[in-house]
Protein backbone atom coordinates (compact mmCIF):
# COMPACT_ATOMS: atom_id res chain seq x y z
CA MET A 1 52.90 16.55 -26.87
CA LYS A 2 53.37 13.48 -24.74
CA VAL A 3 55.61 10.87 -26.27
CA GLU A 4 55.56 7.49 -24.62
CA PHE A 5 57.81 4.29 -25.28
CA THR A 6 56.17 1.27 -25.45
CA LEU A 7 56.31 -2.65 -26.57
CA GLU A 8 54.02 -3.72 -29.12
CA LYS A 9 53.40 -7.43 -29.21
CA LYS A 10 51.66 -8.64 -32.35
CA GLY A 11 53.21 -11.27 -34.62
CA LYS A 12 56.07 -9.99 -33.98
CA ASP A 13 58.35 -7.31 -31.42
CA ARG A 14 58.37 -3.97 -31.72
CA LEU A 15 58.87 -0.75 -29.98
CA THR A 16 56.14 2.02 -30.65
CA ILE A 17 55.73 5.62 -30.27
CA MET A 18 52.91 7.09 -29.29
CA VAL A 19 52.34 10.65 -29.06
CA GLY A 20 48.80 11.95 -28.35
CA ASP A 21 47.08 15.17 -26.46
CA LEU A 22 46.74 17.43 -29.64
CA PRO A 23 43.71 18.77 -31.26
CA SER A 24 42.78 17.03 -34.20
CA ILE A 25 43.33 19.86 -36.40
CA VAL A 26 47.39 18.65 -36.60
CA ILE A 27 46.74 15.15 -36.54
CA PRO A 28 47.40 15.07 -40.60
CA PRO A 29 50.68 16.70 -40.60
CA LEU A 30 51.66 14.50 -37.26
CA VAL A 31 51.02 11.65 -38.83
CA ARG A 32 53.52 13.07 -42.21
CA ALA A 33 56.24 13.74 -39.82
CA MET A 34 55.79 10.81 -37.86
CA ALA A 35 56.32 8.71 -41.32
CA LYS A 36 59.43 10.74 -42.18
CA MET A 37 60.76 10.15 -38.43
CA GLY A 38 60.29 6.51 -38.69
CA GLN A 39 62.08 6.45 -42.25
CA LEU A 40 65.32 8.11 -40.63
CA VAL A 41 65.55 6.80 -37.27
CA ILE A 42 65.59 3.10 -38.92
CA ALA A 43 68.25 4.50 -41.39
CA LYS A 44 70.31 5.50 -38.75
CA ALA A 45 70.02 2.67 -36.31
CA GLN A 46 71.26 0.63 -39.66
CA GLN A 47 74.03 2.86 -40.14
CA GLU A 48 75.40 2.94 -36.12
CA ARG A 49 73.64 0.46 -34.29
CA PHE A 50 73.81 -2.94 -36.54
CA THR A 51 77.43 -2.18 -38.07
CA GLY A 52 80.75 -3.77 -37.64
CA ASN A 53 82.40 -5.97 -36.57
CA GLY A 54 81.21 -7.85 -32.90
CA PRO A 55 80.70 -8.34 -30.68
CA PHE A 56 80.36 -5.40 -28.81
CA ALA A 57 80.04 -4.36 -25.14
CA VAL A 58 76.68 -4.37 -24.05
CA SER A 59 76.62 -0.59 -22.71
CA GLU A 60 77.40 0.15 -26.56
CA ASN A 61 73.88 -0.70 -27.15
CA ARG A 62 75.34 -1.97 -30.43
CA LEU A 63 75.17 -5.18 -32.23
CA GLY A 64 78.08 -6.62 -35.18
CA ASP A 65 76.99 -7.35 -38.36
CA ARG A 66 77.22 -10.94 -39.57
CA SER A 67 74.94 -11.30 -42.47
CA GLY A 68 73.48 -8.44 -43.23
CA ARG A 69 69.26 -10.22 -42.77
CA LEU A 70 68.72 -8.13 -39.10
CA ARG A 71 69.53 -5.03 -40.58
CA ARG A 72 68.08 -4.82 -43.71
CA SER A 73 64.78 -6.23 -41.48
CA LEU A 74 64.44 -3.96 -39.48
CA GLU A 75 61.39 -1.36 -40.52
CA ALA A 76 58.41 1.64 -39.52
CA THR A 77 55.24 0.83 -39.85
CA LYS A 78 52.84 3.83 -41.47
CA PRO A 79 51.87 5.78 -38.73
CA ILE A 80 48.45 4.80 -37.21
CA VAL A 81 45.54 6.87 -35.84
CA ASN A 82 44.24 5.36 -33.19
CA GLY A 83 39.93 6.28 -32.01
CA ASP A 84 41.45 8.28 -29.09
CA GLY A 85 43.20 10.90 -30.83
CA ARG A 86 47.21 8.96 -30.65
CA VAL A 87 48.94 8.58 -33.18
CA SER A 88 51.10 5.88 -33.28
CA ILE A 89 54.25 4.16 -35.21
CA ALA A 90 56.04 0.99 -34.80
CA MET A 91 59.83 -0.26 -34.93
CA GLY A 92 61.19 -3.93 -35.56
CA SER A 93 62.08 -6.98 -36.89
CA ASN A 94 60.57 -10.23 -38.39
CA VAL A 95 63.94 -12.06 -37.58
CA ASN A 96 63.26 -14.19 -34.72
CA TYR A 97 66.37 -13.19 -32.88
CA PHE A 98 65.75 -9.42 -32.34
CA ALA A 99 63.67 -9.44 -29.75
CA ILE A 100 66.26 -11.67 -27.85
CA HIS A 101 69.34 -8.77 -28.45
CA GLU A 102 66.62 -5.81 -27.76
CA PHE A 103 65.29 -6.60 -24.82
CA GLY A 104 67.20 -9.61 -23.28
CA PHE A 105 66.08 -12.92 -22.37
CA SER A 106 67.17 -14.62 -19.03
CA GLY A 107 65.50 -18.13 -18.57
CA THR A 108 66.19 -21.85 -19.33
CA VAL A 109 66.11 -23.32 -23.22
CA SER A 110 65.62 -26.71 -23.70
CA VAL A 111 68.48 -28.69 -26.56
CA ALA A 112 66.87 -31.54 -28.50
CA ALA A 113 68.89 -34.56 -29.16
CA GLN A 114 71.54 -34.09 -32.06
CA SER A 115 72.61 -36.79 -34.23
CA VAL A 116 76.36 -36.03 -34.59
CA ALA A 117 78.34 -37.22 -38.24
CA ALA A 118 81.13 -39.05 -38.05
CA TYR A 119 84.33 -36.44 -38.03
CA THR A 120 88.08 -36.78 -38.09
CA HIS A 121 90.48 -34.04 -36.74
CA PRO A 122 93.87 -33.93 -36.19
CA ASN A 123 95.37 -35.52 -32.84
CA ALA A 124 96.58 -33.50 -30.16
CA PHE A 125 100.31 -33.81 -31.46
CA GLY A 126 99.96 -33.29 -34.62
CA ARG A 127 100.56 -36.66 -36.12
CA GLY A 128 98.21 -38.60 -37.15
CA GLU A 129 93.91 -38.07 -36.86
CA LEU A 130 91.20 -38.96 -34.40
CA SER A 131 88.55 -40.08 -35.97
CA ILE A 132 85.03 -39.79 -34.15
CA ALA A 133 82.00 -42.24 -34.42
CA ALA A 134 78.61 -41.00 -35.79
CA HIS A 135 76.67 -40.69 -32.25
CA THR A 136 73.46 -38.98 -30.62
CA ARG A 137 73.83 -35.86 -28.48
CA LYS A 138 71.56 -36.42 -25.15
CA ALA A 139 68.41 -33.95 -25.16
CA HIS A 140 69.04 -31.23 -22.29
CA SER A 141 68.55 -28.08 -20.49
CA ARG A 142 70.41 -24.85 -20.26
CA HIS A 143 70.36 -21.90 -18.44
CA VAL A 144 70.55 -18.70 -20.83
CA ASN A 145 71.32 -14.84 -19.84
CA MET A 146 71.29 -12.76 -22.72
CA PRO A 147 71.50 -8.86 -21.62
CA ALA A 148 69.00 -6.11 -23.58
CA ARG A 149 71.37 -4.84 -26.09
CA ARG A 150 68.87 -2.15 -26.80
CA PRO A 151 70.54 -0.99 -30.26
CA LEU A 152 66.96 -0.26 -31.53
CA GLY A 153 65.92 1.55 -28.64
CA THR A 154 68.69 3.41 -28.24
CA ALA A 155 68.27 5.03 -32.02
CA ILE A 156 64.64 5.82 -30.77
CA GLU A 157 65.20 7.45 -28.05
CA GLN A 158 68.45 9.25 -29.62
CA TYR A 159 66.85 10.58 -32.65
CA SER A 160 63.58 10.45 -32.74
CA LEU A 161 62.48 13.41 -30.87
CA ALA A 162 64.62 15.84 -32.97
CA PHE A 163 63.25 14.52 -35.96
CA ILE A 164 59.76 14.27 -34.90
CA GLU A 165 59.96 18.43 -33.88
CA ARG A 166 61.97 19.30 -36.96
CA PHE A 167 59.62 17.23 -39.44
CA PHE A 168 56.21 18.30 -37.23
CA THR A 169 57.10 22.09 -37.63
CA GLU A 170 57.98 21.88 -41.83
CA GLU A 171 54.72 20.09 -41.75
CA LEU A 172 52.88 22.21 -39.94
CA ASN A 173 54.15 25.63 -41.81
CA LYS A 174 52.98 23.42 -44.99
CA GLU A 175 49.61 22.75 -44.24
CA PHE A 176 49.18 26.47 -42.48
CA ASN A 177 51.46 28.81 -44.34
CA ASN A 178 50.51 27.83 -47.89
């Protein structure tokens, strides 16, 4: 059995697991096994890689949880059988910032001009207030280097092979031993 980890970019950024080089008789049990595996890998990733109070070191492959939006948005697609006999399943999120944390980013980002409302805050010596008049921040660009944290990719690498082996064996036993 051959397992590949590839990146699929169609509408949203995802990690895709593809399994190929199998006889057609075992594809239906494999599809059922991959569906179970996808749900469990997502659940494990949500429990272990998208929880806690960050920030975490990049080497921990975790993201802290602020609102829970990213964690709740993680999903696995239904397995798809391609024309060449390969079965694939994609896991990812439709949240915009998922891809930046998962795959990293290095480049220049343009920041648009912004209007800032007037505000006051205590002055440096704790006496009185310092008033800031309404103003506009100029547009500018900034270099950003965000390392890949890979919380989902790490969970896929950690759990998918063990889960697919377990569920594939169960499904084969159901299919051929009953």
